[in-house]
Amino acid sequence: MFGSQIGKAKQAGRKWLCSEAMPFHYLSFRMRNLFTIIFLTFIGFASAQEADSLPGKKIRRLYISASFSPDYCFRTLTNHDGSSMSSYIVNLRNGQEIPKFGYGTGINLIYKFKGHFEFESGVQYADYGFATNVPPLTFANSIDPNRGFVYNSISPTIPKFFTNFNYLDIPLRANFVCGKRRFHFIASAGVVTNILATVSSTSVEDNADGSKTQITTRDNRGYNGINISPVVSVGVEYRVCKRFLLRAEPTFQRGILPTTYTPVEETLWNAGVNFSLLYRL
């Protein structure tokens, strides 16, 4: 009896990892726990910094930052089962799907150690995905029976399709900062835990009167709820004043796990420039 309960628990765990996104109330509960862990971690760093302070002088090592990153987003397709049909689908999708622009924004906490190193973590909301470029179609009112010419052909407007993956990201990064005076060099590496919020498909069509028709459908079924993405960046830091800093970091991130476990697997990646404003606490 006890063994069967363990088996059911393992099976439930596998379903949770490969299932649709978690319900919002459960996701909110987990996010509160993550916030608590991150907050307590940085409180520990902030308390520990007192031991490094000189008598009568407090060393401030904790920063809070707000960031925004415009991103160039796409995916990589893999023929997982090696079949000819999967190869055909990969070639078809590679011929029709194109990158799209996404973004990431959020709040981070940064702890500066002695020397040139930092530890950074926080919470981000991100939009990844790709677009589909459908080839135009031609319709005719009449065809010449002898010559086969098409008369009065009509080329209707073809809508653009966007596949959007929205995640709550938890970054854990180690930063290296060096330089003198106001400008500094910064390099960073780490991992991002991607928690799936929604998957949506949006079609945008231009109307004859200049307006646009947009239709969005959401369906998380079959998509992995959790992913892990290594991230690297290199950039510059500018010290605005005693407490404020600006950073600009070209960044690249790629998921380790596919979005779905299917014969044709897609892995998301994105490249962009992360802009952030830091305030020393």
Protein backbone atom coordinates (compact mmCIF):
# COMPACT_ATOMS: atom_id res chain seq x y z
CA MET A 1 0.00 0.00 0.00
CA PHE A 2 2.78 2.38 0.93
CA GLY A 3 4.65 1.51 -2.31
CA SER A 4 1.59 2.25 -4.44
CA GLN A 5 1.25 5.68 -2.79
CA ILE A 6 4.89 6.47 -3.65
CA GLY A 7 4.26 5.40 -7.28
CA LYS A 8 1.21 7.65 -7.51
CA ALA A 9 3.21 10.56 -6.08
CA LYS A 10 5.99 10.09 -8.66
CA GLN A 11 3.44 9.87 -11.48
CA ALA A 12 1.75 13.05 -10.27
CA GLY A 13 5.11 14.80 -10.17
CA ARG A 14 5.89 13.86 -13.77
CA LYS A 15 2.46 15.07 -14.91
CA TRP A 16 3.01 18.37 -13.09
CA LEU A 17 6.35 18.99 -14.81
CA CYS A 18 5.02 18.25 -18.31
CA SER A 19 1.49 19.56 -17.93
CA GLU A 20 -0.09 22.88 -18.72
CA ALA A 21 0.75 25.96 -16.70
CA MET A 22 -0.15 25.84 -13.02
CA PRO A 23 -3.41 27.43 -11.86
CA PHE A 24 -3.02 31.09 -11.01
CA HIS A 25 -3.79 30.69 -7.30
CA TYR A 26 -1.24 27.89 -6.96
CA LEU A 27 1.29 29.88 -8.99
CA SER A 28 0.72 32.90 -6.73
CA PHE A 29 1.34 30.72 -3.64
CA ARG A 30 4.63 29.47 -5.11
CA MET A 31 5.66 32.98 -6.10
CA ARG A 32 5.08 34.20 -2.55
CA ASN A 33 7.37 31.43 -1.30
CA LEU A 34 10.05 32.41 -3.85
CA PHE A 35 9.78 36.06 -2.83
CA THR A 36 10.19 35.04 0.82
CA ILE A 37 13.31 32.95 0.08
CA ILE A 38 14.91 35.70 -2.00
CA PHE A 39 14.05 38.35 0.58
CA LEU A 40 15.48 36.34 3.49
CA THR A 41 18.63 35.60 1.47
CA PHE A 42 19.31 39.27 0.88
CA ILE A 43 18.44 40.15 4.47
CA GLY A 44 21.19 37.71 5.47
CA PHE A 45 23.63 39.41 3.10
CA ALA A 46 22.65 42.83 4.42
CA SER A 47 23.20 41.69 8.02
CA ALA A 48 26.52 40.09 7.17
CA GLN A 49 27.84 43.29 5.65
CA GLU A 50 27.99 44.86 9.13
CA ALA A 51 30.87 42.55 9.97
CA ASP A 52 32.82 43.99 7.02
CA SER A 53 32.22 47.60 8.05
CA LEU A 54 34.84 49.76 9.65
CA PRO A 55 34.02 51.16 13.12
CA GLY A 56 31.65 54.08 12.69
CA LYS A 57 31.30 53.56 8.92
CA LYS A 58 28.55 51.52 7.28
CA ILE A 59 29.29 49.83 3.94
CA ARG A 60 26.20 49.63 1.73
CA ARG A 61 26.31 46.60 -0.55
CA LEU A 62 22.64 46.03 -1.37
CA TYR A 63 20.99 47.45 -4.50
CA ILE A 64 17.49 47.25 -5.96
CA SER A 65 17.04 47.53 -9.73
CA ALA A 66 14.20 47.97 -12.22
CA SER A 67 14.88 46.55 -15.67
CA PHE A 68 13.41 46.38 -19.16
CA SER A 69 14.72 44.36 -22.09
CA PRO A 70 13.47 44.52 -25.71
CA ASP A 71 14.19 41.07 -27.16
CA TYR A 72 14.56 39.36 -30.53
CA CYS A 73 12.79 36.02 -30.01
CA PHE A 74 12.66 32.75 -31.95
CA ARG A 75 12.82 28.98 -31.52
CA THR A 76 14.95 26.02 -32.63
CA LEU A 77 13.18 22.92 -34.02
CA THR A 78 14.44 19.38 -33.45
CA ASN A 79 13.34 16.19 -35.20
CA HIS A 80 12.98 14.15 -32.02
CA ASP A 81 11.78 10.83 -33.47
CA GLY A 82 13.89 10.94 -36.66
CA SER A 83 10.96 10.23 -38.99
CA SER A 84 10.56 11.61 -42.52
CA MET A 85 7.24 13.20 -41.54
CA SER A 86 8.91 15.12 -38.70
CA SER A 87 11.63 16.26 -41.12
CA TYR A 88 8.94 17.52 -43.48
CA ILE A 89 7.24 19.44 -40.65
CA VAL A 90 10.56 20.96 -39.55
CA ASN A 91 11.31 22.14 -43.10
CA LEU A 92 7.77 23.46 -43.56
CA ARG A 93 7.83 25.44 -40.30
CA ASN A 94 11.34 26.76 -40.94
CA GLY A 95 10.07 28.12 -44.25
CA GLN A 96 7.07 29.89 -42.72
CA GLU A 97 7.97 30.88 -39.15
CA ILE A 98 10.03 33.99 -38.44
CA PRO A 99 11.38 35.73 -35.30
CA LYS A 100 9.25 38.21 -33.38
CA PHE A 101 9.97 40.99 -30.91
CA GLY A 102 9.32 40.30 -27.24
CA TYR A 103 10.33 41.82 -23.94
CA GLY A 104 11.18 41.22 -20.31
CA THR A 105 10.68 43.50 -17.31
CA GLY A 106 10.94 43.17 -13.55
CA ILE A 107 12.68 43.99 -10.28
CA ASN A 108 15.95 42.53 -8.99
CA LEU A 109 18.04 42.70 -5.83
CA ILE A 110 21.83 42.87 -6.15
CA TYR A 111 24.38 42.20 -3.42
CA LYS A 112 27.95 43.45 -3.96
CA PHE A 113 30.69 41.36 -2.40
CA LYS A 114 34.18 42.62 -1.66
CA GLY A 115 36.14 43.15 -4.85
CA HIS A 116 34.44 42.88 -8.23
CA PHE A 117 31.71 40.28 -7.78
CA GLU A 118 27.95 40.53 -7.29
CA PHE A 119 25.01 38.19 -6.77
CA GLU A 120 21.69 39.07 -8.44
CA SER A 121 18.17 37.64 -8.28
CA GLY A 122 14.59 38.81 -8.58
CA VAL A 123 11.35 38.34 -10.51
CA GLN A 124 10.73 39.13 -14.18
CA TYR A 125 7.73 38.96 -16.50
CA ALA A 126 8.74 37.92 -20.02
CA ASP A 127 7.14 37.50 -23.44
CA TYR A 128 8.89 35.04 -25.81
CA GLY A 129 7.80 33.20 -28.95
CA PHE A 130 7.79 33.51 -32.73
CA ALA A 131 5.66 34.63 -35.68
CA THR A 132 4.27 32.82 -38.73
CA ASN A 133 4.50 34.33 -42.21
CA VAL A 134 1.68 32.76 -44.26
CA PRO A 135 2.21 33.00 -48.07
CA PRO A 136 -0.50 34.99 -49.93
CA LEU A 137 -3.27 33.22 -51.82
CA THR A 138 -4.77 34.23 -55.19
CA PHE A 139 -8.44 33.78 -56.05
CA ALA A 140 -10.12 34.34 -59.43
CA ASN A 141 -13.58 35.24 -60.66
CA SER A 142 -13.08 33.61 -64.05
CA ILE A 143 -10.51 31.58 -65.99
CA ASP A 144 -10.14 31.60 -69.78
CA PRO A 145 -10.94 28.03 -70.92
CA ASN A 146 -8.50 28.20 -73.86
CA ARG A 147 -5.56 30.15 -72.51
CA GLY A 148 -5.92 29.49 -68.80
CA PHE A 149 -5.47 33.14 -67.92
CA VAL A 150 -6.90 34.33 -64.64
CA TYR A 151 -9.05 37.46 -64.78
CA ASN A 152 -9.99 39.78 -61.93
CA SER A 153 -7.70 38.03 -59.49
CA ILE A 154 -8.07 39.07 -55.86
CA SER A 155 -5.26 38.92 -53.30
CA PRO A 156 -6.89 39.25 -49.89
CA THR A 157 -4.94 40.46 -46.89
CA ILE A 158 -3.31 37.54 -45.09
CA PRO A 159 -3.23 37.91 -41.29
CA LYS A 160 0.01 37.68 -39.35
CA PHE A 161 0.14 35.00 -36.67
CA PHE A 162 2.09 35.27 -33.40
CA THR A 163 2.73 32.48 -30.89
CA ASN A 164 3.41 34.01 -27.47
CA PHE A 165 4.92 32.31 -24.42
CA ASN A 166 4.53 34.39 -21.25
CA TYR A 167 6.71 33.41 -18.30
CA LEU A 168 7.46 34.49 -14.76
CA ASP A 169 11.26 34.32 -14.67
CA ILE A 170 13.45 33.89 -11.58
CA PRO A 171 17.04 34.80 -12.53
CA LEU A 172 20.10 33.79 -10.51
CA ARG A 173 23.19 35.53 -11.86
CA ALA A 174 26.79 36.15 -10.85
CA ASN A 175 28.19 39.48 -12.06
CA PHE A 176 31.75 40.67 -12.54
CA VAL A 177 32.20 44.47 -12.48
CA CYS A 178 35.43 46.40 -12.97
CA GLY A 179 36.48 49.90 -13.92
CA LYS A 180 37.27 53.32 -12.53
CA ARG A 181 35.38 56.54 -12.10
CA ARG A 182 31.90 56.61 -13.64
CA PHE A 183 32.13 53.93 -16.36
CA HIS A 184 32.49 50.22 -15.55
CA PHE A 185 32.62 46.99 -17.53
CA ILE A 186 30.16 44.25 -16.48
CA ALA A 187 29.96 40.57 -17.45
CA SER A 188 27.34 38.17 -16.15
CA ALA A 189 26.40 34.49 -16.30
CA GLY A 190 23.68 32.46 -14.64
CA VAL A 191 20.45 30.54 -15.03
CA VAL A 192 16.81 31.57 -15.24
CA THR A 193 13.92 29.46 -13.95
CA ASN A 194 11.01 29.99 -16.37
CA ILE A 195 7.54 29.42 -14.89
CA LEU A 196 4.91 29.28 -17.63
CA ALA A 197 2.00 31.68 -17.19
CA THR A 198 0.14 31.58 -20.53
CA VAL A 199 0.52 30.38 -24.12
CA SER A 200 -1.45 32.34 -26.68
CA SER A 201 -1.89 32.56 -30.45
CA THR A 202 -2.72 35.94 -31.94
CA SER A 203 -3.78 36.77 -35.51
CA VAL A 204 -3.57 40.39 -36.69
CA GLU A 205 -5.24 41.40 -39.97
CA ASP A 206 -5.20 44.79 -41.70
CA ASN A 207 -8.66 45.89 -42.84
CA ALA A 208 -9.51 47.95 -45.93
CA ASP A 209 -10.44 50.98 -43.81
CA GLY A 210 -7.01 51.03 -42.15
CA SER A 211 -8.11 49.39 -38.90
CA LYS A 212 -6.79 46.11 -37.55
CA THR A 213 -8.62 43.00 -36.44
CA GLN A 214 -6.91 41.04 -33.68
CA ILE A 215 -8.02 37.66 -32.37
CA THR A 216 -6.26 35.93 -29.47
CA THR A 217 -6.78 32.40 -28.17
CA ARG A 218 -5.10 30.89 -25.10
CA ASP A 219 -4.41 27.23 -24.47
CA ASN A 220 -1.70 25.94 -22.10
CA ARG A 221 -2.50 22.25 -22.48
CA GLY A 222 0.45 20.06 -23.37
CA TYR A 223 3.13 22.66 -22.65
CA ASN A 224 5.85 22.26 -20.04
CA GLY A 225 5.15 24.35 -16.97
CA ILE A 226 8.83 24.76 -15.98
CA ASN A 227 11.99 25.43 -17.98
CA ILE A 228 15.61 26.27 -17.18
CA SER A 229 17.52 28.75 -19.35
CA PRO A 230 21.24 29.59 -19.15
CA VAL A 231 21.85 33.33 -19.67
CA VAL A 232 25.00 35.36 -20.42
CA SER A 233 25.54 39.09 -20.90
CA VAL A 234 28.28 41.68 -21.37
CA GLY A 235 27.75 45.42 -21.00
CA VAL A 236 28.57 48.73 -19.37
CA GLU A 237 27.61 50.49 -16.16
CA TYR A 238 27.43 54.25 -15.63
CA ARG A 239 27.37 55.80 -12.17
CA VAL A 240 24.88 58.67 -12.34
CA CYS A 241 25.41 59.82 -8.76
CA LYS A 242 26.22 58.40 -5.34
CA ARG A 243 23.16 56.13 -5.16
CA PHE A 244 22.00 55.64 -8.78
CA LEU A 245 23.57 53.54 -11.55
CA LEU A 246 22.54 52.79 -15.14
CA ARG A 247 23.36 49.55 -16.96
CA ALA A 248 23.04 48.40 -20.58
CA GLU A 249 23.79 44.70 -21.19
CA PRO A 250 23.43 42.79 -24.48
CA THR A 251 22.00 39.44 -23.36
CA PHE A 252 21.48 35.96 -24.79
CA GLN A 253 19.25 33.29 -23.25
CA ARG A 254 18.27 29.79 -24.44
CA GLY A 255 15.99 27.20 -22.89
CA ILE A 256 17.33 23.75 -22.03
CA LEU A 257 13.98 21.96 -22.17
CA PRO A 258 11.56 21.98 -25.13
CA THR A 259 8.18 23.66 -24.82
CA THR A 260 6.49 20.29 -25.51
CA TYR A 261 7.57 16.65 -25.66
CA THR A 262 6.40 15.85 -29.21
CA PRO A 263 8.00 14.31 -32.36
CA VAL A 264 8.98 17.87 -33.39
CA GLU A 265 10.32 19.75 -30.36
CA GLU A 266 10.79 23.51 -30.18
CA THR A 267 13.26 25.24 -27.87
CA LEU A 268 12.89 28.98 -27.26
CA TRP A 269 15.75 31.48 -27.32
CA ASN A 270 16.04 35.24 -27.23
CA ALA A 271 18.65 37.97 -27.60
CA GLY A 272 18.27 41.58 -26.54
CA VAL A 273 19.64 44.50 -24.55
CA ASN A 274 18.74 44.68 -20.87
CA PHE A 275 18.48 48.24 -19.53
CA SER A 276 18.38 48.66 -15.76
CA LEU A 277 18.36 51.43 -13.16
CA LEU A 278 19.98 50.56 -9.83
CA TYR A 279 19.43 52.27 -6.50
CA ARG A 280 21.76 51.67 -3.56
CA LEU A 281 19.83 50.92 -0.37
